[in-house]
Amino acid sequence: LDRDVPVILSIGRNFPRVWRNVETAFYTPGRESGPPA
């Protein structure tokens, strides 16, 4: 980012228990303390 290169990030699938559906949250900018978007 300091070199002004955007970074491709992978939010991986559930592993090794692939049948689960656990997710990570995204928040609205400026509302990080509120509920996830």
PDB file of all heavy atoms in Angstrom:
ATOM      1  N   LEU A   1       0.823  -1.203   0.000  1.00  0.00           N
ATOM      2  CA  LEU A   1       0.000   0.000   0.000  1.00  0.00           C
ATOM      3  C   LEU A   1       0.860   1.257   0.000  1.00  0.00           C
ATOM      4  O   LEU A   1       0.510   2.256  -0.644  1.00  0.00           O
ATOM      5  CB  LEU A   1      -0.946  -0.007   1.204  1.00  0.00           C
ATOM      6  CG  LEU A   1      -2.036  -1.083   1.172  1.00  0.00           C
ATOM      7  CD1 LEU A   1      -2.777  -1.126   2.503  1.00  0.00           C
ATOM      8  CD2 LEU A   1      -3.012  -0.846   0.027  1.00  0.00           C
ATOM      9  N   ASP A   2       1.992   1.213   0.705  1.00  0.00           N
ATOM     10  CA  ASP A   2       2.904   2.358   0.694  1.00  0.00           C
ATOM     11  C   ASP A   2       3.470   2.609  -0.699  1.00  0.00           C
ATOM     12  O   ASP A   2       3.807   3.748  -1.028  1.00  0.00           O
ATOM     13  CB  ASP A   2       4.049   2.131   1.688  1.00  0.00           C
ATOM     14  CG  ASP A   2       3.608   2.282   3.142  1.00  0.00           C
ATOM     15  OD1 ASP A   2       2.530   2.868   3.375  1.00  0.00           O
ATOM     16  OD2 ASP A   2       4.339   1.799   4.028  1.00  0.00           O
ATOM     17  N   ARG A   3       3.582   1.557  -1.500  1.00  0.00           N
ATOM     18  CA  ARG A   3       4.044   1.694  -2.883  1.00  0.00           C
ATOM     19  C   ARG A   3       2.899   2.022  -3.844  1.00  0.00           C
ATOM     20  O   ARG A   3       3.078   2.038  -5.049  1.00  0.00           O
ATOM     21  CB  ARG A   3       4.727   0.397  -3.333  1.00  0.00           C
ATOM     22  CG  ARG A   3       6.114   0.172  -2.739  1.00  0.00           C
ATOM     23  CD  ARG A   3       6.620  -1.220  -3.055  1.00  0.00           C
ATOM     24  NE  ARG A   3       6.313  -1.621  -4.429  1.00  0.00           N
ATOM     25  CZ  ARG A   3       6.095  -2.882  -4.808  1.00  0.00           C
ATOM     26  NH1 ARG A   3       6.119  -3.856  -3.920  1.00  0.00           N
ATOM     27  NH2 ARG A   3       5.848  -3.161  -6.069  1.00  0.00           N
ATOM     28  N   ASP A   4       1.716   2.261  -3.284  1.00  0.00           N
ATOM     29  CA  ASP A   4       0.540   2.596  -4.090  1.00  0.00           C
ATOM     30  C   ASP A   4       0.113   1.428  -4.970  1.00  0.00           C
ATOM     31  O   ASP A   4      -0.278   1.604  -6.128  1.00  0.00           O
ATOM     32  CB  ASP A   4       0.787   3.844  -4.942  1.00  0.00           C
ATOM     33  CG  ASP A   4      -0.506   4.550  -5.333  1.00  0.00           C
ATOM     34  OD1 ASP A   4      -1.544   4.241  -4.718  1.00  0.00           O
ATOM     35  OD2 ASP A   4      -0.478   5.391  -6.242  1.00  0.00           O
ATOM     36  N   VAL A   5       0.174   0.218  -4.396  1.00  0.00           N
ATOM     37  CA  VAL A   5      -0.286  -0.989  -5.079  1.00  0.00           C
ATOM     38  C   VAL A   5      -1.455  -1.569  -4.287  1.00  0.00           C
ATOM     39  O   VAL A   5      -1.265  -2.026  -3.159  1.00  0.00           O
ATOM     40  CB  VAL A   5       0.835  -2.046  -5.199  1.00  0.00           C
ATOM     41  CG1 VAL A   5       0.307  -3.318  -5.852  1.00  0.00           C
ATOM     42  CG2 VAL A   5       2.019  -1.492  -5.978  1.00  0.00           C
ATOM     43  N   PRO A   6      -2.677  -1.567  -4.818  1.00  0.00           N
ATOM     44  CA  PRO A   6      -3.792  -2.215  -4.132  1.00  0.00           C
ATOM     45  C   PRO A   6      -3.494  -3.694  -3.916  1.00  0.00           C
ATOM     46  O   PRO A   6      -2.783  -4.317  -4.708  1.00  0.00           O
ATOM     47  CB  PRO A   6      -4.967  -2.009  -5.088  1.00  0.00           C
ATOM     48  CG  PRO A   6      -4.572  -0.860  -5.955  1.00  0.00           C
ATOM     49  CD  PRO A   6      -3.089  -0.944  -6.095  1.00  0.00           C
ATOM     50  N   VAL A   7      -4.041  -4.252  -2.861  1.00  0.00           N
ATOM     51  CA  VAL A   7      -3.696  -5.614  -2.453  1.00  0.00           C
ATOM     52  C   VAL A   7      -4.908  -6.534  -2.610  1.00  0.00           C
ATOM     53  O   VAL A   7      -5.976  -6.268  -2.041  1.00  0.00           O
ATOM     54  CB  VAL A   7      -3.211  -5.644  -0.989  1.00  0.00           C
ATOM     55  CG1 VAL A   7      -2.853  -7.075  -0.579  1.00  0.00           C
ATOM     56  CG2 VAL A   7      -2.014  -4.713  -0.804  1.00  0.00           C
ATOM     57  N   ILE A   8      -4.746  -7.608  -3.373  1.00  0.00           N
ATOM     58  CA  ILE A   8      -5.800  -8.618  -3.490  1.00  0.00           C
ATOM     59  C   ILE A   8      -5.706  -9.545  -2.289  1.00  0.00           C
ATOM     60  O   ILE A   8      -4.681 -10.177  -2.046  1.00  0.00           O
ATOM     61  CB  ILE A   8      -5.663  -9.402  -4.801  1.00  0.00           C
ATOM     62  CG1 ILE A   8      -5.850  -8.473  -6.004  1.00  0.00           C
ATOM     63  CG2 ILE A   8      -6.681 -10.539  -4.853  1.00  0.00           C
ATOM     64  CD1 ILE A   8      -5.650  -9.155  -7.347  1.00  0.00           C
ATOM     65  N   LEU A   9      -6.785  -9.605  -1.518  1.00  0.00           N
ATOM     66  CA  LEU A   9      -6.846 -10.409  -0.303  1.00  0.00           C
ATOM     67  C   LEU A   9      -7.889 -11.506  -0.474  1.00  0.00           C
ATOM     68  O   LEU A   9      -9.006 -11.252  -0.948  1.00  0.00           O
ATOM     69  CB  LEU A   9      -7.228  -9.525   0.889  1.00  0.00           C
ATOM     70  CG  LEU A   9      -7.577 -10.233   2.209  1.00  0.00           C
ATOM     71  CD1 LEU A   9      -6.338 -10.890   2.820  1.00  0.00           C
ATOM     72  CD2 LEU A   9      -8.220  -9.263   3.198  1.00  0.00           C
ATOM     73  N   SER A  10      -7.532 -12.710  -0.071  1.00  0.00           N
ATOM     74  CA  SER A  10      -8.469 -13.823  -0.080  1.00  0.00           C
ATOM     75  C   SER A  10      -9.022 -14.043   1.318  1.00  0.00           C
ATOM     76  O   SER A  10      -8.258 -14.213   2.278  1.00  0.00           O
ATOM     77  CB  SER A  10      -7.779 -15.102  -0.565  1.00  0.00           C
ATOM     78  OG  SER A  10      -8.618 -16.228  -0.349  1.00  0.00           O
ATOM     79  N   ILE A  11     -10.337 -14.002   1.434  1.00  0.00           N
ATOM     80  CA  ILE A  11     -11.018 -14.440   2.659  1.00  0.00           C
ATOM     81  C   ILE A  11     -11.403 -15.886   2.390  1.00  0.00           C
ATOM     82  O   ILE A  11     -12.366 -16.167   1.678  1.00  0.00           O
ATOM     83  CB  ILE A  11     -12.250 -13.567   2.954  1.00  0.00           C
ATOM     84  CG1 ILE A  11     -11.820 -12.108   3.115  1.00  0.00           C
ATOM     85  CG2 ILE A  11     -12.975 -14.062   4.201  1.00  0.00           C
ATOM     86  CD1 ILE A  11     -12.973 -11.128   3.187  1.00  0.00           C
ATOM     87  N   GLY A  12     -10.596 -16.815   2.903  1.00  0.00           N
ATOM     88  CA  GLY A  12     -10.683 -18.210   2.493  1.00  0.00           C
ATOM     89  C   GLY A  12     -11.993 -18.883   2.873  1.00  0.00           C
ATOM     90  O   GLY A  12     -12.735 -18.418   3.743  1.00  0.00           O
ATOM     91  N   ARG A  13     -12.248 -20.007   2.223  1.00  0.00           N
ATOM     92  CA  ARG A  13     -13.431 -20.793   2.557  1.00  0.00           C
ATOM     93  C   ARG A  13     -13.215 -21.508   3.884  1.00  0.00           C
ATOM     94  O   ARG A  13     -12.083 -21.578   4.390  1.00  0.00           O
ATOM     95  CB  ARG A  13     -13.765 -21.783   1.445  1.00  0.00           C
ATOM     96  CG  ARG A  13     -12.692 -22.823   1.188  1.00  0.00           C
ATOM     97  CD  ARG A  13     -13.067 -23.716   0.017  1.00  0.00           C
ATOM     98  NE  ARG A  13     -13.172 -22.947  -1.225  1.00  0.00           N
ATOM     99  CZ  ARG A  13     -14.334 -22.662  -1.800  1.00  0.00           C
ATOM    100  NH1 ARG A  13     -15.476 -23.061  -1.275  1.00  0.00           N
ATOM    101  NH2 ARG A  13     -14.350 -21.969  -2.935  1.00  0.00           N
ATOM    102  N   ASN A  14     -14.278 -22.016   4.474  1.00  0.00           N
ATOM    103  CA  ASN A  14     -14.160 -22.766   5.725  1.00  0.00           C
ATOM    104  C   ASN A  14     -13.324 -24.028   5.495  1.00  0.00           C
ATOM    105  O   ASN A  14     -13.520 -24.747   4.508  1.00  0.00           O
ATOM    106  CB  ASN A  14     -15.538 -23.152   6.247  1.00  0.00           C
ATOM    107  CG  ASN A  14     -16.354 -21.952   6.729  1.00  0.00           C
ATOM    108  OD1 ASN A  14     -17.541 -22.061   6.988  1.00  0.00           O
ATOM    109  ND2 ASN A  14     -15.737 -20.793   6.857  1.00  0.00           N
ATOM    110  N   PHE A  15     -12.376 -24.254   6.417  1.00  0.00           N
ATOM    111  CA  PHE A  15     -11.472 -25.387   6.275  1.00  0.00           C
ATOM    112  C   PHE A  15     -10.890 -25.726   7.651  1.00  0.00           C
ATOM    113  O   PHE A  15     -10.549 -24.831   8.421  1.00  0.00           O
ATOM    114  CB  PHE A  15     -10.342 -25.034   5.298  1.00  0.00           C
ATOM    115  CG  PHE A  15      -9.441 -26.179   4.967  1.00  0.00           C
ATOM    116  CD1 PHE A  15      -9.781 -27.075   3.968  1.00  0.00           C
ATOM    117  CD2 PHE A  15      -8.262 -26.382   5.675  1.00  0.00           C
ATOM    118  CE1 PHE A  15      -8.943 -28.140   3.667  1.00  0.00           C
ATOM    119  CE2 PHE A  15      -7.431 -27.448   5.376  1.00  0.00           C
ATOM    120  CZ  PHE A  15      -7.771 -28.330   4.369  1.00  0.00           C
ATOM    121  N   PRO A  16     -10.766 -26.995   8.019  1.00  0.00           N
ATOM    122  CA  PRO A  16     -11.059 -28.193   7.207  1.00  0.00           C
ATOM    123  C   PRO A  16     -12.536 -28.607   7.233  1.00  0.00           C
ATOM    124  O   PRO A  16     -12.947 -29.467   6.458  1.00  0.00           O
ATOM    125  CB  PRO A  16     -10.188 -29.264   7.862  1.00  0.00           C
ATOM    126  CG  PRO A  16     -10.125 -28.848   9.295  1.00  0.00           C
ATOM    127  CD  PRO A  16     -10.130 -27.343   9.296  1.00  0.00           C
ATOM    128  N   ARG A  17     -13.328 -27.984   8.130  1.00  0.00           N
ATOM    129  CA  ARG A  17     -14.755 -28.354   8.195  1.00  0.00           C
ATOM    130  C   ARG A  17     -15.512 -27.542   7.141  1.00  0.00           C
ATOM    131  O   ARG A  17     -16.143 -26.539   7.434  1.00  0.00           O
ATOM    132  CB  ARG A  17     -15.285 -28.110   9.602  1.00  0.00           C
ATOM    133  CG  ARG A  17     -14.729 -29.128  10.619  1.00  0.00           C
ATOM    134  CD  ARG A  17     -15.124 -28.789  12.029  1.00  0.00           C
ATOM    135  NE  ARG A  17     -14.322 -27.686  12.562  1.00  0.00           N
ATOM    136  CZ  ARG A  17     -14.421 -27.240  13.815  1.00  0.00           C
ATOM    137  NH1 ARG A  17     -15.283 -27.774  14.649  1.00  0.00           N
ATOM    138  NH2 ARG A  17     -13.649 -26.248  14.217  1.00  0.00           N
ATOM    139  N   VAL A  18     -15.442 -28.027   5.916  1.00  0.00           N
ATOM    140  CA  VAL A  18     -15.949 -27.270   4.783  1.00  0.00           C
ATOM    141  C   VAL A  18     -17.464 -27.147   4.790  1.00  0.00           C
ATOM    142  O   VAL A  18     -18.026 -26.313   4.060  1.00  0.00           O
ATOM    143  CB  VAL A  18     -15.480 -27.917   3.457  1.00  0.00           C
ATOM    144  CG1 VAL A  18     -13.975 -27.826   3.330  1.00  0.00           C
ATOM    145  CG2 VAL A  18     -15.952 -29.369   3.355  1.00  0.00           C
ATOM    146  N   TRP A  19     -18.157 -27.957   5.583  1.00  0.00           N
ATOM    147  CA  TRP A  19     -19.616 -27.902   5.623  1.00  0.00           C
ATOM    148  C   TRP A  19     -20.126 -26.744   6.486  1.00  0.00           C
ATOM    149  O   TRP A  19     -21.306 -26.418   6.461  1.00  0.00           O
ATOM    150  CB  TRP A  19     -20.163 -29.227   6.168  1.00  0.00           C
ATOM    151  CG  TRP A  19     -19.638 -29.554   7.541  1.00  0.00           C
ATOM    152  CD1 TRP A  19     -20.150 -29.154   8.747  1.00  0.00           C
ATOM    153  CD2 TRP A  19     -18.474 -30.320   7.829  1.00  0.00           C
ATOM    154  NE1 TRP A  19     -19.388 -29.627   9.771  1.00  0.00           N
ATOM    155  CE2 TRP A  19     -18.346 -30.362   9.246  1.00  0.00           C
ATOM    156  CE3 TRP A  19     -17.528 -30.997   7.057  1.00  0.00           C
ATOM    157  CZ2 TRP A  19     -17.311 -31.044   9.891  1.00  0.00           C
ATOM    158  CZ3 TRP A  19     -16.512 -31.678   7.698  1.00  0.00           C
ATOM    159  CH2 TRP A  19     -16.404 -31.685   9.091  1.00  0.00           C
ATOM    160  N   ARG A  20     -19.242 -26.127   7.232  1.00  0.00           N
ATOM    161  CA  ARG A  20     -19.669 -25.003   8.063  1.00  0.00           C
ATOM    162  C   ARG A  20     -19.929 -23.766   7.193  1.00  0.00           C
ATOM    163  O   ARG A  20     -19.514 -23.695   6.037  1.00  0.00           O
ATOM    164  CB  ARG A  20     -18.596 -24.678   9.108  1.00  0.00           C
ATOM    165  CG  ARG A  20     -18.270 -25.827  10.044  1.00  0.00           C
ATOM    166  CD  ARG A  20     -17.092 -25.480  10.931  1.00  0.00           C
ATOM    167  NE  ARG A  20     -17.412 -24.420  11.886  1.00  0.00           N
ATOM    168  CZ  ARG A  20     -16.492 -23.773  12.612  1.00  0.00           C
ATOM    169  NH1 ARG A  20     -15.214 -24.054  12.463  1.00  0.00           N
ATOM    170  NH2 ARG A  20     -16.872 -22.843  13.460  1.00  0.00           N
ATOM    171  N   ASN A  21     -20.603 -22.773   7.783  1.00  0.00           N
ATOM    172  CA  ASN A  21     -20.845 -21.527   7.055  1.00  0.00           C
ATOM    173  C   ASN A  21     -20.488 -20.335   7.952  1.00  0.00           C
ATOM    174  O   ASN A  21     -21.286 -19.419   8.147  1.00  0.00           O
ATOM    175  CB  ASN A  21     -22.303 -21.441   6.603  1.00  0.00           C
ATOM    176  CG  ASN A  21     -22.522 -20.304   5.605  1.00  0.00           C
ATOM    177  OD1 ASN A  21     -21.612 -19.948   4.848  1.00  0.00           O
ATOM    178  ND2 ASN A  21     -23.706 -19.722   5.609  1.00  0.00           N
ATOM    179  N   VAL A  22     -19.264 -20.361   8.469  1.00  0.00           N
ATOM    180  CA  VAL A  22     -18.768 -19.255   9.287  1.00  0.00           C
ATOM    181  C   VAL A  22     -18.282 -18.144   8.350  1.00  0.00           C
ATOM    182  O   VAL A  22     -17.610 -18.418   7.344  1.00  0.00           O
ATOM    183  CB  VAL A  22     -17.621 -19.714  10.201  1.00  0.00           C
ATOM    184  CG1 VAL A  22     -17.103 -18.549  11.041  1.00  0.00           C
ATOM    185  CG2 VAL A  22     -18.088 -20.857  11.089  1.00  0.00           C
ATOM    186  N   GLU A  23     -18.622 -16.898   8.670  1.00  0.00           N
ATOM    187  CA  GLU A  23     -18.243 -15.765   7.823  1.00  0.00           C
ATOM    188  C   GLU A  23     -17.581 -14.677   8.665  1.00  0.00           C
ATOM    189  O   GLU A  23     -17.730 -14.648   9.887  1.00  0.00           O
ATOM    190  CB  GLU A  23     -19.477 -15.199   7.118  1.00  0.00           C
ATOM    191  CG  GLU A  23     -20.129 -16.188   6.167  1.00  0.00           C
ATOM    192  CD  GLU A  23     -21.299 -15.586   5.422  1.00  0.00           C
ATOM    193  OE1 GLU A  23     -21.980 -14.692   5.987  1.00  0.00           O
ATOM    194  OE2 GLU A  23     -21.545 -16.004   4.271  1.00  0.00           O
ATOM    195  N   THR A  24     -16.849 -13.794   7.986  1.00  0.00           N
ATOM    196  CA  THR A  24     -16.264 -12.629   8.647  1.00  0.00           C
ATOM    197  C   THR A  24     -17.020 -11.385   8.213  1.00  0.00           C
ATOM    198  O   THR A  24     -17.548 -11.314   7.104  1.00  0.00           O
ATOM    199  CB  THR A  24     -14.761 -12.498   8.333  1.00  0.00           C
ATOM    200  OG1 THR A  24     -14.180 -11.514   9.197  1.00  0.00           O
ATOM    201  CG2 THR A  24     -14.519 -12.096   6.897  1.00  0.00           C
ATOM    202  N   ALA A  25     -17.075 -10.399   9.104  1.00  0.00           N
ATOM    203  CA  ALA A  25     -17.974  -9.254   8.917  1.00  0.00           C
ATOM    204  C   ALA A  25     -17.322  -8.121   8.142  1.00  0.00           C
ATOM    205  O   ALA A  25     -16.118  -7.873   8.271  1.00  0.00           O
ATOM    206  CB  ALA A  25     -18.448  -8.749  10.277  1.00  0.00           C
ATOM    207  N   PHE A  26     -18.132  -7.429   7.349  1.00  0.00           N
ATOM    208  CA  PHE A  26     -17.771  -6.160   6.717  1.00  0.00           C
ATOM    209  C   PHE A  26     -18.594  -5.058   7.384  1.00  0.00           C
ATOM    210  O   PHE A  26     -19.794  -5.221   7.615  1.00  0.00           O
ATOM    211  CB  PHE A  26     -18.102  -6.162   5.220  1.00  0.00           C
ATOM    212  CG  PHE A  26     -17.157  -6.965   4.367  1.00  0.00           C
ATOM    213  CD1 PHE A  26     -17.443  -7.173   3.028  1.00  0.00           C
ATOM    214  CD2 PHE A  26     -15.994  -7.508   4.882  1.00  0.00           C
ATOM    215  CE1 PHE A  26     -16.591  -7.896   2.219  1.00  0.00           C
ATOM    216  CE2 PHE A  26     -15.138  -8.246   4.082  1.00  0.00           C
ATOM    217  CZ  PHE A  26     -15.432  -8.437   2.753  1.00  0.00           C
ATOM    218  N   TYR A  27     -17.927  -3.912   7.634  1.00  0.00           N
ATOM    219  CA  TYR A  27     -18.597  -2.792   8.283  1.00  0.00           C
ATOM    220  C   TYR A  27     -18.650  -1.597   7.337  1.00  0.00           C
ATOM    221  O   TYR A  27     -17.774  -1.415   6.481  1.00  0.00           O
ATOM    222  CB  TYR A  27     -17.861  -2.391   9.565  1.00  0.00           C
ATOM    223  CG  TYR A  27     -17.855  -3.479  10.616  1.00  0.00           C
ATOM    224  CD1 TYR A  27     -16.828  -4.420  10.657  1.00  0.00           C
ATOM    225  CD2 TYR A  27     -18.874  -3.575  11.548  1.00  0.00           C
ATOM    226  CE1 TYR A  27     -16.818  -5.435  11.608  1.00  0.00           C
ATOM    227  CE2 TYR A  27     -18.878  -4.583  12.510  1.00  0.00           C
ATOM    228  CZ  TYR A  27     -17.845  -5.508  12.527  1.00  0.00           C
ATOM    229  OH  TYR A  27     -17.844  -6.506  13.467  1.00  0.00           O
ATOM    230  N   THR A  28     -19.668  -0.780   7.513  1.00  0.00           N
ATOM    231  CA  THR A  28     -19.762   0.465   6.763  1.00  0.00           C
ATOM    232  C   THR A  28     -18.702   1.436   7.264  1.00  0.00           C
ATOM    233  O   THR A  28     -18.540   1.590   8.483  1.00  0.00           O
ATOM    234  CB  THR A  28     -21.154   1.094   6.941  1.00  0.00           C
ATOM    235  OG1 THR A  28     -22.140   0.165   6.480  1.00  0.00           O
ATOM    236  CG2 THR A  28     -21.272   2.400   6.161  1.00  0.00           C
ATOM    237  N   PRO A  29     -17.940   2.091   6.386  1.00  0.00           N
ATOM    238  CA  PRO A  29     -16.929   3.054   6.843  1.00  0.00           C
ATOM    239  C   PRO A  29     -17.540   4.119   7.752  1.00  0.00           C
ATOM    240  O   PRO A  29     -18.582   4.696   7.451  1.00  0.00           O
ATOM    241  CB  PRO A  29     -16.421   3.666   5.528  1.00  0.00           C
ATOM    242  CG  PRO A  29     -16.641   2.594   4.507  1.00  0.00           C
ATOM    243  CD  PRO A  29     -17.915   1.923   4.913  1.00  0.00           C
ATOM    244  N   GLY A  30     -16.873   4.351   8.874  1.00  0.00           N
ATOM    245  CA  GLY A  30     -17.358   5.312   9.851  1.00  0.00           C
ATOM    246  C   GLY A  30     -18.323   4.728  10.855  1.00  0.00           C
ATOM    247  O   GLY A  30     -18.707   5.395  11.818  1.00  0.00           O
ATOM    248  N   ARG A  31     -18.738   3.471  10.655  1.00  0.00           N
ATOM    249  CA  ARG A  31     -19.687   2.827  11.572  1.00  0.00           C
ATOM    250  C   ARG A  31     -19.150   1.482  12.054  1.00  0.00           C
ATOM    251  O   ARG A  31     -19.893   0.515  12.198  1.00  0.00           O
ATOM    252  CB  ARG A  31     -21.037   2.635  10.882  1.00  0.00           C
ATOM    253  CG  ARG A  31     -21.679   3.940  10.419  1.00  0.00           C
ATOM    254  CD  ARG A  31     -22.995   3.680   9.706  1.00  0.00           C
ATOM    255  NE  ARG A  31     -23.567   4.918   9.192  1.00  0.00           N
ATOM    256  CZ  ARG A  31     -24.665   4.973   8.449  1.00  0.00           C
ATOM    257  NH1 ARG A  31     -25.289   3.842   8.109  1.00  0.00           N
ATOM    258  NH2 ARG A  31     -25.123   6.136   8.022  1.00  0.00           N
ATOM    259  N   GLU A  32     -17.854   1.452  12.290  1.00  0.00           N
ATOM    260  CA  GLU A  32     -17.218   0.186  12.672  1.00  0.00           C
ATOM    261  C   GLU A  32     -17.708  -0.339  14.014  1.00  0.00           C
ATOM    262  O   GLU A  32     -17.630  -1.547  14.278  1.00  0.00           O
ATOM    263  CB  GLU A  32     -15.693   0.362  12.712  1.00  0.00           C
ATOM    264  CG  GLU A  32     -15.048   0.553  11.359  1.00  0.00           C
ATOM    265  CD  GLU A  32     -15.079   1.986  10.865  1.00  0.00           C
ATOM    266  OE1 GLU A  32     -15.710   2.835  11.546  1.00  0.00           O
ATOM    267  OE2 GLU A  32     -14.471   2.280   9.817  1.00  0.00           O
ATOM    268  N   SER A  33     -18.189   0.539  14.883  1.00  0.00           N
ATOM    269  CA  SER A  33     -18.673   0.093  16.194  1.00  0.00           C
ATOM    270  C   SER A  33     -20.114  -0.396  16.145  1.00  0.00           C
ATOM    271  O   SER A  33     -20.627  -0.926  17.126  1.00  0.00           O
ATOM    272  CB  SER A  33     -18.566   1.233  17.210  1.00  0.00           C
ATOM    273  OG  SER A  33     -19.325   2.362  16.788  1.00  0.00           O
ATOM    274  N   GLY A  34     -20.786  -0.224  15.014  1.00  0.00           N
ATOM    275  CA  GLY A  34     -22.167  -0.660  14.874  1.00  0.00           C
ATOM    276  C   GLY A  34     -22.261  -2.071  14.331  1.00  0.00           C
ATOM    277  O   GLY A  34     -21.267  -2.798  14.214  1.00  0.00           O
ATOM    278  N   PRO A  35     -23.474  -2.481  13.972  1.00  0.00           N
ATOM    279  CA  PRO A  35     -23.654  -3.828  13.411  1.00  0.00           C
ATOM    280  C   PRO A  35     -23.012  -3.931  12.034  1.00  0.00           C
ATOM    281  O   PRO A  35     -22.891  -2.932  11.314  1.00  0.00           O
ATOM    282  CB  PRO A  35     -25.177  -3.967  13.330  1.00  0.00           C
ATOM    283  CG  PRO A  35     -25.695  -2.564  13.267  1.00  0.00           C
ATOM    284  CD  PRO A  35     -24.744  -1.747  14.089  1.00  0.00           C
ATOM    285  N   PRO A  36     -22.598  -5.134  11.622  1.00  0.00           N
ATOM    286  CA  PRO A  36     -21.975  -5.299  10.301  1.00  0.00           C
ATOM    287  C   PRO A  36     -22.936  -4.945   9.168  1.00  0.00           C
ATOM    288  O   PRO A  36     -24.149  -5.122   9.278  1.00  0.00           O
ATOM    289  CB  PRO A  36     -21.618  -6.794  10.270  1.00  0.00           C
ATOM    290  CG  PRO A  36     -21.604  -7.232  11.696  1.00  0.00           C
ATOM    291  CD  PRO A  36     -22.627  -6.389  12.393  1.00  0.00           C
ATOM    292  N   ALA A  37     -22.368  -4.455   8.072  1.00  0.00           N
ATOM    293  CA  ALA A  37     -23.172  -4.199   6.873  1.00  0.00           C
ATOM    294  C   ALA A  37     -23.495  -5.506   6.164  1.00  0.00           C
ATOM    295  O   ALA A  37     -24.571  -5.656   5.571  1.00  0.00           O
ATOM    296  CB  ALA A  37     -22.419  -3.265   5.935  1.00  0.00           C
TER     297      ALA A  37
END
